[in-house]
């Protein structure tokens, strides 16, 4: 089980993150003494650190530098100070990602799982697929965006899953139809078009405009 060390001085936020981590079978511990972060870090030996910038005694940049002196464990900054300067500073100090407050718990979890996979070649089934704040929940085949849940049909879910699993790549209509056939849903060219158009309308209604691009004569793309 992966261990997540939460360095956040707001008890409500810290406990909320801890509860979310535990609900996805991740172990989590909240920092308790903000003068002795490195002692707690060494004692817990986490696989990933969630680190706020504004902290008592020393800020997150300081602690990230201290962590980097002894470990390459991934560090994700979480902060309401999400201007470009702070994001750049976080990366320069050794951070691996930056999550701006307030954040969606599912987006945060998707980012954490992505970093864990990249770092430890996590082989478990992926729980989320995330892009531009939209999160596809693989557990219940639903899509969430800005706190709203978007219901999907089986075909819409399969289409979106395939495109998100291949972000940045053009997926042909033929390949999408093959994916739908694999789920015992035989579709032809016209049926695929109807499903894609209906999916686009749902995305646009939720505020996700131009989420899926059409490459004429080639297929579809999420990039």
Protein backbone atom coordinates (compact mmCIF):
# COMPACT_ATOMS: atom_id res chain seq x y z
CA UNK A 1 0.00 0.00 0.00
CA UNK A 2 1.38 3.41 -0.95
CA UNK A 3 1.96 5.92 1.86
CA UNK A 4 1.01 9.57 1.39
CA UNK A 5 2.46 12.22 3.73
CA UNK A 6 0.19 15.28 3.98
CA UNK A 7 1.94 18.49 5.06
CA UNK A 8 -1.02 20.87 5.41
CA UNK A 9 -1.64 23.11 8.43
CA UNK A 10 -5.40 23.46 7.92
CA UNK A 11 -6.77 20.50 9.94
CA UNK A 12 -10.01 20.33 7.93
CA UNK A 13 -8.24 20.19 4.58
CA UNK A 14 -5.63 17.75 5.88
CA UNK A 15 -8.19 15.33 7.32
CA UNK A 16 -10.33 15.62 4.21
CA UNK A 17 -7.37 14.63 2.02
CA UNK A 18 -6.48 11.80 4.40
CA UNK A 19 -10.02 10.43 4.24
CA UNK A 20 -10.03 10.65 0.44
CA UNK A 21 -6.71 8.79 0.20
CA UNK A 22 -7.89 6.05 2.50
CA UNK A 23 -11.10 5.62 0.50
CA UNK A 24 -8.89 4.66 -2.48
CA UNK A 25 -6.79 2.18 -0.51
CA UNK A 26 -3.86 4.55 0.01
CA UNK A 27 -2.33 4.95 3.44
CA UNK A 28 -2.07 8.57 4.57
CA UNK A 29 -0.61 10.48 7.51
CA UNK A 30 -0.95 14.16 8.36
CA UNK A 31 2.02 16.15 9.67
CA UNK A 32 1.61 16.96 13.35
CA UNK A 33 4.68 19.04 14.27
CA UNK A 34 5.54 21.68 11.69
CA UNK A 35 8.94 22.30 13.27
CA UNK A 36 9.91 18.64 12.84
CA UNK A 37 8.74 17.82 9.33
CA UNK A 38 11.93 15.97 8.39
CA UNK A 39 11.77 13.79 11.47
CA UNK A 40 8.20 12.81 10.64
CA UNK A 41 9.15 12.32 6.97
CA UNK A 42 12.02 9.99 7.85
CA UNK A 43 9.87 8.07 10.33
CA UNK A 44 6.99 7.55 7.88
CA UNK A 45 9.07 6.97 4.72
CA UNK A 46 6.25 7.99 2.35
CA UNK A 47 5.91 7.15 -1.34
CA UNK A 48 4.53 10.64 -2.09
CA UNK A 49 4.31 13.99 -0.30
CA UNK A 50 1.48 16.52 -0.55
CA UNK A 51 2.97 19.85 0.50
CA UNK A 52 1.33 23.21 1.17
CA UNK A 53 3.39 26.37 0.56
CA UNK A 54 2.19 28.51 3.48
CA UNK A 55 3.10 26.68 6.68
CA UNK A 56 4.10 27.62 10.25
CA UNK A 57 7.82 28.16 10.94
CA UNK A 58 9.13 27.31 7.44
CA UNK A 59 7.31 27.36 4.10
CA UNK A 60 6.80 24.46 1.70
CA UNK A 61 9.69 25.53 -0.53
CA UNK A 62 12.08 25.11 2.40
CA UNK A 63 10.77 21.65 3.27
CA UNK A 64 10.86 20.53 -0.35
CA UNK A 65 14.53 21.49 -0.54
CA UNK A 66 15.20 19.59 2.69
CA UNK A 67 13.39 16.52 1.36
CA UNK A 68 15.38 16.70 -1.88
CA UNK A 69 18.64 16.54 0.07
CA UNK A 70 17.84 12.97 1.11
CA UNK A 71 15.10 11.66 -1.19
CA UNK A 72 13.69 11.70 -4.73
CA UNK A 73 10.18 10.87 -3.47
CA UNK A 74 7.59 12.71 -5.60
CA UNK A 75 6.31 15.97 -4.11
CA UNK A 76 3.02 17.56 -5.16
CA UNK A 77 2.47 21.13 -3.99
CA UNK A 78 -1.06 22.12 -2.93
CA UNK A 79 -1.69 25.83 -2.49
CA UNK A 80 -4.10 28.70 -3.05
CA UNK A 81 -1.07 30.74 -4.14
CA UNK A 82 -1.42 29.40 -7.67
CA UNK A 83 -0.01 32.30 -9.68
CA UNK A 84 2.62 31.49 -12.30
CA UNK A 85 5.50 32.65 -10.09
CA UNK A 86 4.60 30.21 -7.29
CA UNK A 87 4.03 27.34 -9.70
CA UNK A 88 7.41 27.95 -11.35
CA UNK A 89 9.07 28.26 -7.95
CA UNK A 90 7.49 24.99 -6.79
CA UNK A 91 8.88 23.16 -9.82
CA UNK A 92 12.32 24.74 -9.43
CA UNK A 93 12.47 23.68 -5.79
CA UNK A 94 11.95 20.06 -6.80
CA UNK A 95 8.19 19.67 -6.99
CA UNK A 96 6.67 17.13 -9.39
CA UNK A 97 3.22 18.72 -9.78
CA UNK A 98 1.08 21.58 -8.47
CA UNK A 99 -2.59 21.46 -7.44
CA UNK A 100 -4.34 24.80 -6.89
CA UNK A 101 -6.78 25.27 -4.02
CA UNK A 102 -9.69 24.91 -3.93
CA UNK A 103 -9.38 21.59 -5.71
CA UNK A 104 -11.73 18.78 -6.63
CA UNK A 105 -10.93 15.68 -4.54
CA UNK A 106 -11.23 13.40 -7.56
CA UNK A 107 -8.89 15.54 -9.67
CA UNK A 108 -6.38 15.48 -6.81
CA UNK A 109 -6.66 11.69 -6.54
CA UNK A 110 -6.23 11.26 -10.30
CA UNK A 111 -3.07 13.38 -10.24
CA UNK A 112 -1.67 11.45 -7.27
CA UNK A 113 -2.31 8.11 -8.96
CA UNK A 114 -0.70 9.37 -12.18
CA UNK A 115 2.46 10.41 -10.29
CA UNK A 116 2.52 7.07 -8.41
CA UNK A 117 2.25 5.17 -11.70
CA UNK A 118 5.05 7.17 -13.30
CA UNK A 119 7.30 6.80 -10.27
CA UNK A 120 6.67 3.24 -9.16
CA UNK A 121 5.22 1.62 -12.29
CA UNK A 122 1.99 1.12 -10.38
CA UNK A 123 0.35 -1.90 -11.97
CA UNK A 124 -3.08 -1.75 -10.38
CA UNK A 125 -6.19 -0.93 -12.33
CA UNK A 126 -6.40 2.76 -13.01
CA UNK A 127 -9.21 4.30 -10.99
CA UNK A 128 -9.44 7.63 -12.82
CA UNK A 129 -8.64 9.25 -16.13
CA UNK A 130 -8.27 13.04 -15.90
CA UNK A 131 -7.99 15.81 -18.48
CA UNK A 132 -8.44 19.56 -18.05
CA UNK A 133 -10.25 19.07 -14.73
CA UNK A 134 -12.68 16.46 -16.10
CA UNK A 135 -12.39 13.10 -14.30
CA UNK A 136 -13.63 9.80 -15.69
CA UNK A 137 -14.32 7.45 -12.78
CA UNK A 138 -13.52 3.91 -13.89
CA UNK A 139 -15.32 2.44 -10.89
CA UNK A 140 -18.81 3.68 -11.76
CA UNK A 141 -18.33 4.77 -15.41
CA UNK A 142 -19.24 8.38 -14.64
CA UNK A 143 -17.67 11.70 -15.57
CA UNK A 144 -17.23 14.58 -13.12
CA UNK A 145 -16.37 18.22 -13.84
CA UNK A 146 -16.32 21.13 -11.39
CA UNK A 147 -18.25 19.13 -8.80
CA UNK A 148 -20.99 18.05 -11.24
CA UNK A 149 -21.53 14.42 -12.22
CA UNK A 150 -22.28 13.72 -15.88
CA UNK A 151 -24.15 10.50 -16.59
CA UNK A 152 -22.86 8.50 -19.56
CA UNK A 153 -24.31 5.63 -21.55
CA UNK A 154 -22.20 2.48 -21.95
CA UNK A 155 -21.14 3.51 -25.44
CA UNK A 156 -20.34 7.10 -24.43
CA UNK A 157 -18.21 5.83 -21.57
CA UNK A 158 -16.28 3.46 -23.85
CA UNK A 159 -15.66 6.20 -26.41
CA UNK A 160 -14.44 8.66 -23.78
CA UNK A 161 -12.33 6.01 -22.03
CA UNK A 162 -10.58 5.07 -25.27
CA UNK A 163 -9.86 8.68 -26.20
CA UNK A 164 -8.60 9.58 -22.71
CA UNK A 165 -6.36 6.50 -22.54
CA UNK A 166 -4.78 7.74 -25.77
CA UNK A 167 -4.56 11.48 -25.09
CA UNK A 168 -2.69 13.30 -27.82
CA UNK A 169 -3.25 10.49 -30.35
CA UNK A 170 -5.77 10.38 -33.17
CA UNK A 171 -8.10 7.40 -32.75
CA UNK A 172 -9.74 6.19 -35.94
CA UNK A 173 -13.45 5.58 -36.21
CA UNK A 174 -12.68 1.95 -36.99
CA UNK A 175 -10.77 1.53 -33.73
CA UNK A 176 -13.58 3.13 -31.74
CA UNK A 177 -16.09 0.78 -33.31
CA UNK A 178 -13.86 -2.18 -32.46
CA UNK A 179 -13.77 -1.02 -28.83
CA UNK A 180 -17.54 -0.84 -28.72
CA UNK A 181 -17.84 -4.30 -30.29
CA UNK A 182 -15.57 -5.64 -27.53
CA UNK A 183 -18.20 -4.52 -25.04
CA UNK A 184 -20.92 -6.44 -26.92
CA UNK A 185 -22.32 -3.31 -28.49
CA UNK A 186 -22.32 -3.69 -32.27
CA UNK A 187 -22.34 -0.29 -33.96
CA UNK A 188 -22.03 0.95 -37.51
CA UNK A 189 -20.64 4.25 -38.83
CA UNK A 190 -23.91 6.10 -38.33
CA UNK A 191 -24.42 4.81 -34.79
CA UNK A 192 -20.89 5.86 -33.84
CA UNK A 193 -21.54 9.39 -35.15
CA UNK A 194 -24.75 9.60 -33.14
CA UNK A 195 -22.94 8.48 -29.96
CA UNK A 196 -20.04 10.91 -30.43
CA UNK A 197 -22.38 13.83 -31.14
CA UNK A 198 -24.52 13.02 -28.09
CA UNK A 199 -21.39 12.75 -25.94
CA UNK A 200 -20.17 16.12 -27.22
CA UNK A 201 -23.48 17.77 -26.34
CA UNK A 202 -23.27 16.43 -22.78
CA UNK A 203 -19.70 17.70 -22.46
CA UNK A 204 -20.58 21.14 -23.85
CA UNK A 205 -23.59 21.42 -21.53
CA UNK A 206 -21.24 20.78 -18.59
CA UNK A 207 -18.87 23.50 -19.82
CA UNK A 208 -16.37 21.25 -21.61
CA UNK A 209 -16.38 22.83 -25.04
CA UNK A 210 -14.12 21.48 -27.80
CA UNK A 211 -13.11 18.61 -25.52
CA UNK A 212 -13.12 16.13 -28.41
CA UNK A 213 -11.60 17.25 -31.72
CA UNK A 214 -12.47 15.77 -35.11
CA UNK A 215 -9.63 15.13 -37.54
CA UNK A 216 -11.38 14.91 -40.91
CA UNK A 217 -10.71 11.64 -42.65
CA UNK A 218 -8.64 10.39 -39.67
CA UNK A 219 -10.71 10.14 -36.50
CA UNK A 220 -11.03 11.81 -33.08
CA UNK A 221 -8.58 13.33 -30.65
CA UNK A 222 -8.38 14.54 -27.06
CA UNK A 223 -5.21 16.60 -26.73
